[in-house]
Amino acid sequence: MGIKQALCNALDETVHALAILDLDTLQAIERQMTTLAQTEPVADGLDIDSILAKKRVLELVLYHSESNLNALRRLYGRNTRDLWER
């Protein structure tokens, strides 16, 4: 598999794994990308525009997830036990 295809697949899989909060898949992707980073790049006509577009989608997903994660942290940090006992 070419570097371009590996990067595109990793970005697509990362967006999907983040959408379903699949930590195991995210860790597997991280290991794959670590291995890919250690390989010698081959000039196989990388379509940089496609890769950058997928990177931008991932950045947008992460940016919009930040407020949701902050809300979850606030909710998790609250002591909601008293609310349910009433």
N, C-alpha and C. Protein backbone atom coordinates (compact mmCIF):
# COMPACT_ATOMS: atom_id res chain seq x y z
N MET A 1 0.86 -1.18 0.00
CA MET A 1 0.00 0.00 0.00
C MET A 1 0.90 1.23 0.00
N GLY A 2 0.55 2.20 -0.80
CA GLY A 2 1.33 3.42 -0.88
C GLY A 2 1.13 4.29 0.34
N ILE A 3 2.06 5.21 0.51
CA ILE A 3 1.99 6.13 1.64
C ILE A 3 0.72 6.95 1.58
N LYS A 4 0.38 7.42 0.37
CA LYS A 4 -0.82 8.24 0.22
C LYS A 4 -2.05 7.49 0.69
N GLN A 5 -2.20 6.26 0.25
CA GLN A 5 -3.36 5.46 0.63
C GLN A 5 -3.37 5.18 2.13
N ALA A 6 -2.21 4.91 2.70
CA ALA A 6 -2.13 4.64 4.14
C ALA A 6 -2.53 5.88 4.94
N LEU A 7 -2.06 7.05 4.52
CA LEU A 7 -2.44 8.29 5.22
C LEU A 7 -3.93 8.57 5.09
N CYS A 8 -4.45 8.42 3.88
CA CYS A 8 -5.89 8.66 3.67
C CYS A 8 -6.74 7.71 4.51
N ASN A 9 -6.37 6.43 4.51
CA ASN A 9 -7.11 5.45 5.31
C ASN A 9 -7.03 5.78 6.80
N ALA A 10 -5.84 6.15 7.26
CA ALA A 10 -5.66 6.47 8.68
C ALA A 10 -6.51 7.67 9.08
N LEU A 11 -6.54 8.68 8.24
CA LEU A 11 -7.34 9.87 8.56
C LEU A 11 -8.83 9.53 8.58
N ASP A 12 -9.29 8.75 7.58
CA ASP A 12 -10.70 8.34 7.57
C ASP A 12 -11.05 7.50 8.79
N GLU A 13 -10.19 6.54 9.10
CA GLU A 13 -10.44 5.67 10.26
C GLU A 13 -10.41 6.45 11.56
N THR A 14 -9.55 7.45 11.65
CA THR A 14 -9.46 8.27 12.86
C THR A 14 -10.75 9.06 13.07
N VAL A 15 -11.26 9.67 12.01
CA VAL A 15 -12.52 10.41 12.11
C VAL A 15 -13.64 9.48 12.56
N HIS A 16 -13.70 8.29 11.97
CA HIS A 16 -14.74 7.33 12.33
C HIS A 16 -14.59 6.87 13.78
N ALA A 17 -13.37 6.55 14.19
CA ALA A 17 -13.13 6.08 15.56
C ALA A 17 -13.46 7.17 16.58
N LEU A 18 -13.17 8.41 16.25
CA LEU A 18 -13.52 9.50 17.15
C LEU A 18 -15.03 9.67 17.26
N ALA A 19 -15.72 9.47 16.14
CA ALA A 19 -17.17 9.61 16.14
C ALA A 19 -17.84 8.60 17.05
N ILE A 20 -17.28 7.41 17.15
CA ILE A 20 -17.87 6.38 18.00
C ILE A 20 -17.09 6.15 19.29
N LEU A 21 -16.09 7.02 19.52
CA LEU A 21 -15.25 6.96 20.73
C LEU A 21 -14.64 5.58 20.93
N ASP A 22 -13.97 5.08 19.89
CA ASP A 22 -13.35 3.76 19.90
C ASP A 22 -11.86 3.91 20.20
N LEU A 23 -11.50 3.82 21.46
CA LEU A 23 -10.12 4.02 21.90
C LEU A 23 -9.18 2.95 21.34
N ASP A 24 -9.63 1.71 21.27
CA ASP A 24 -8.78 0.63 20.76
C ASP A 24 -8.37 0.89 19.31
N THR A 25 -9.32 1.32 18.50
CA THR A 25 -9.01 1.62 17.10
C THR A 25 -8.06 2.81 17.01
N LEU A 26 -8.28 3.83 17.83
CA LEU A 26 -7.39 4.99 17.81
C LEU A 26 -5.96 4.60 18.18
N GLN A 27 -5.81 3.72 19.15
CA GLN A 27 -4.47 3.27 19.54
C GLN A 27 -3.82 2.44 18.44
N ALA A 28 -4.63 1.62 17.74
CA ALA A 28 -4.10 0.83 16.63
C ALA A 28 -3.64 1.75 15.50
N ILE A 29 -4.41 2.78 15.21
CA ILE A 29 -4.03 3.74 14.17
C ILE A 29 -2.74 4.45 14.57
N GLU A 30 -2.62 4.79 15.84
CA GLU A 30 -1.40 5.44 16.31
C GLU A 30 -0.18 4.55 16.07
N ARG A 31 -0.31 3.25 16.37
CA ARG A 31 0.80 2.33 16.14
C ARG A 31 1.14 2.23 14.65
N GLN A 32 0.11 2.19 13.81
CA GLN A 32 0.33 2.13 12.36
C GLN A 32 1.06 3.37 11.87
N MET A 33 0.65 4.52 12.36
CA MET A 33 1.27 5.76 11.90
C MET A 33 2.70 5.90 12.41
N THR A 34 2.97 5.36 13.59
CA THR A 34 4.34 5.36 14.10
C THR A 34 5.23 4.53 13.19
N THR A 35 4.73 3.38 12.77
CA THR A 35 5.47 2.52 11.85
C THR A 35 5.65 3.21 10.51
N LEU A 36 4.59 3.83 10.01
CA LEU A 36 4.66 4.52 8.73
C LEU A 36 5.66 5.67 8.77
N ALA A 37 5.73 6.37 9.89
CA ALA A 37 6.65 7.50 10.02
C ALA A 37 8.10 7.05 9.98
N GLN A 38 8.35 5.80 10.33
CA GLN A 38 9.71 5.29 10.35
C GLN A 38 10.16 4.74 9.00
N THR A 39 9.21 4.60 8.06
CA THR A 39 9.57 4.08 6.74
C THR A 39 10.13 5.19 5.88
N GLU A 40 10.87 4.80 4.89
CA GLU A 40 11.46 5.75 3.95
C GLU A 40 10.38 6.18 2.97
N PRO A 41 10.08 7.48 2.91
CA PRO A 41 9.04 7.92 1.99
C PRO A 41 9.43 7.67 0.53
N VAL A 42 8.46 7.23 -0.22
CA VAL A 42 8.66 6.96 -1.64
C VAL A 42 7.84 7.96 -2.42
N ALA A 43 8.44 8.61 -3.37
CA ALA A 43 7.71 9.59 -4.18
C ALA A 43 6.81 8.86 -5.15
N ASP A 44 5.57 8.58 -4.72
CA ASP A 44 4.63 7.87 -5.57
C ASP A 44 3.52 8.81 -6.05
N GLY A 45 3.88 10.05 -6.28
CA GLY A 45 2.89 11.01 -6.76
C GLY A 45 1.82 11.30 -5.72
N LEU A 46 2.24 11.59 -4.50
CA LEU A 46 1.29 11.87 -3.43
C LEU A 46 0.34 12.99 -3.83
N ASP A 47 -0.93 12.75 -3.64
CA ASP A 47 -1.94 13.78 -3.89
C ASP A 47 -2.12 14.55 -2.59
N ILE A 48 -1.28 15.54 -2.40
CA ILE A 48 -1.23 16.28 -1.14
C ILE A 48 -2.54 16.99 -0.86
N ASP A 49 -3.25 17.41 -1.90
CA ASP A 49 -4.53 18.11 -1.69
C ASP A 49 -5.55 17.20 -1.01
N SER A 50 -5.60 15.95 -1.41
CA SER A 50 -6.52 14.99 -0.80
C SER A 50 -6.17 14.75 0.66
N ILE A 51 -4.90 14.59 0.93
CA ILE A 51 -4.46 14.35 2.30
C ILE A 51 -4.73 15.56 3.18
N LEU A 52 -4.46 16.75 2.66
CA LEU A 52 -4.71 17.97 3.44
C LEU A 52 -6.20 18.17 3.68
N ALA A 53 -7.04 17.80 2.73
CA ALA A 53 -8.48 17.92 2.93
C ALA A 53 -8.95 16.98 4.05
N LYS A 54 -8.44 15.77 4.06
CA LYS A 54 -8.81 14.83 5.12
C LYS A 54 -8.26 15.30 6.47
N LYS A 55 -7.08 15.87 6.46
CA LYS A 55 -6.51 16.42 7.70
C LYS A 55 -7.39 17.54 8.22
N ARG A 56 -7.89 18.37 7.33
CA ARG A 56 -8.76 19.48 7.74
C ARG A 56 -10.06 18.96 8.34
N VAL A 57 -10.62 17.90 7.77
CA VAL A 57 -11.83 17.30 8.32
C VAL A 57 -11.56 16.80 9.74
N LEU A 58 -10.43 16.15 9.93
CA LEU A 58 -10.07 15.66 11.27
C LEU A 58 -9.91 16.83 12.24
N GLU A 59 -9.27 17.91 11.81
CA GLU A 59 -9.12 19.08 12.67
C GLU A 59 -10.48 19.66 13.05
N LEU A 60 -11.41 19.70 12.10
CA LEU A 60 -12.75 20.22 12.40
C LEU A 60 -13.48 19.33 13.40
N VAL A 61 -13.36 18.02 13.22
CA VAL A 61 -14.00 17.09 14.16
C VAL A 61 -13.44 17.30 15.56
N LEU A 62 -12.13 17.40 15.66
CA LEU A 62 -11.51 17.61 16.97
C LEU A 62 -11.90 18.96 17.57
N TYR A 63 -11.94 19.98 16.75
CA TYR A 63 -12.30 21.32 17.23
C TYR A 63 -13.73 21.32 17.78
N HIS A 64 -14.65 20.72 17.04
CA HIS A 64 -16.05 20.72 17.48
C HIS A 64 -16.31 19.74 18.62
N SER A 65 -15.42 18.78 18.79
CA SER A 65 -15.57 17.83 19.90
C SER A 65 -15.11 18.43 21.22
N GLU A 66 -14.28 19.44 21.16
CA GLU A 66 -13.72 20.01 22.38
C GLU A 66 -14.82 20.52 23.32
N SER A 67 -15.81 21.23 22.78
CA SER A 67 -16.87 21.76 23.65
C SER A 67 -17.71 20.62 24.23
N ASN A 68 -17.93 19.56 23.45
CA ASN A 68 -18.68 18.42 23.96
C ASN A 68 -17.91 17.71 25.07
N LEU A 69 -16.62 17.56 24.89
CA LEU A 69 -15.80 16.92 25.92
C LEU A 69 -15.76 17.76 27.19
N ASN A 70 -15.70 19.08 27.05
CA ASN A 70 -15.71 19.95 28.23
C ASN A 70 -17.04 19.82 28.97
N ALA A 71 -18.14 19.74 28.22
CA ALA A 71 -19.46 19.58 28.85
C ALA A 71 -19.53 18.25 29.59
N LEU A 72 -19.01 17.19 28.98
CA LEU A 72 -19.00 15.88 29.65
C LEU A 72 -18.15 15.91 30.91
N ARG A 73 -17.02 16.60 30.86
CA ARG A 73 -16.18 16.71 32.07
C ARG A 73 -16.92 17.44 33.18
N ARG A 74 -17.62 18.51 32.81
CA ARG A 74 -18.38 19.25 33.84
C ARG A 74 -19.49 18.39 34.42
N LEU A 75 -20.21 17.66 33.57
CA LEU A 75 -21.28 16.80 34.06
C LEU A 75 -20.74 15.67 34.92
N TYR A 76 -19.63 15.09 34.48
CA TYR A 76 -19.04 14.00 35.23
C TYR A 76 -18.50 14.48 36.57
N GLY A 77 -18.02 15.71 36.61
CA GLY A 77 -17.46 16.27 37.82
C GLY A 77 -18.49 16.64 38.87
N ARG A 78 -19.71 16.83 38.42
CA ARG A 78 -20.77 17.18 39.38
C ARG A 78 -21.17 15.97 40.20
N ASN A 79 -21.66 16.25 41.38
CA ASN A 79 -22.21 15.19 42.21
C ASN A 79 -23.70 15.10 41.88
N THR A 80 -24.06 14.22 40.95
CA THR A 80 -25.45 14.10 40.52
C THR A 80 -26.22 13.09 41.35
N ARG A 81 -25.58 12.43 42.27
CA ARG A 81 -26.25 11.43 43.08
C ARG A 81 -27.41 12.05 43.85
N ASP A 82 -27.23 13.25 44.41
CA ASP A 82 -28.31 13.89 45.18
C ASP A 82 -29.53 14.19 44.32
N LEU A 83 -29.31 14.52 43.07
CA LEU A 83 -30.44 14.82 42.19
C LEU A 83 -31.34 13.60 41.97
N TRP A 84 -30.75 12.42 41.87
CA TRP A 84 -31.53 11.22 41.62
C TRP A 84 -32.18 10.67 42.88
N GLU A 85 -31.64 10.99 44.04
CA GLU A 85 -32.20 10.47 45.28
C GLU A 85 -33.44 11.22 45.73
N ARG A 86 -33.67 12.39 45.19
CA ARG A 86 -34.81 13.20 45.64
C ARG A 86 -36.11 12.66 45.18
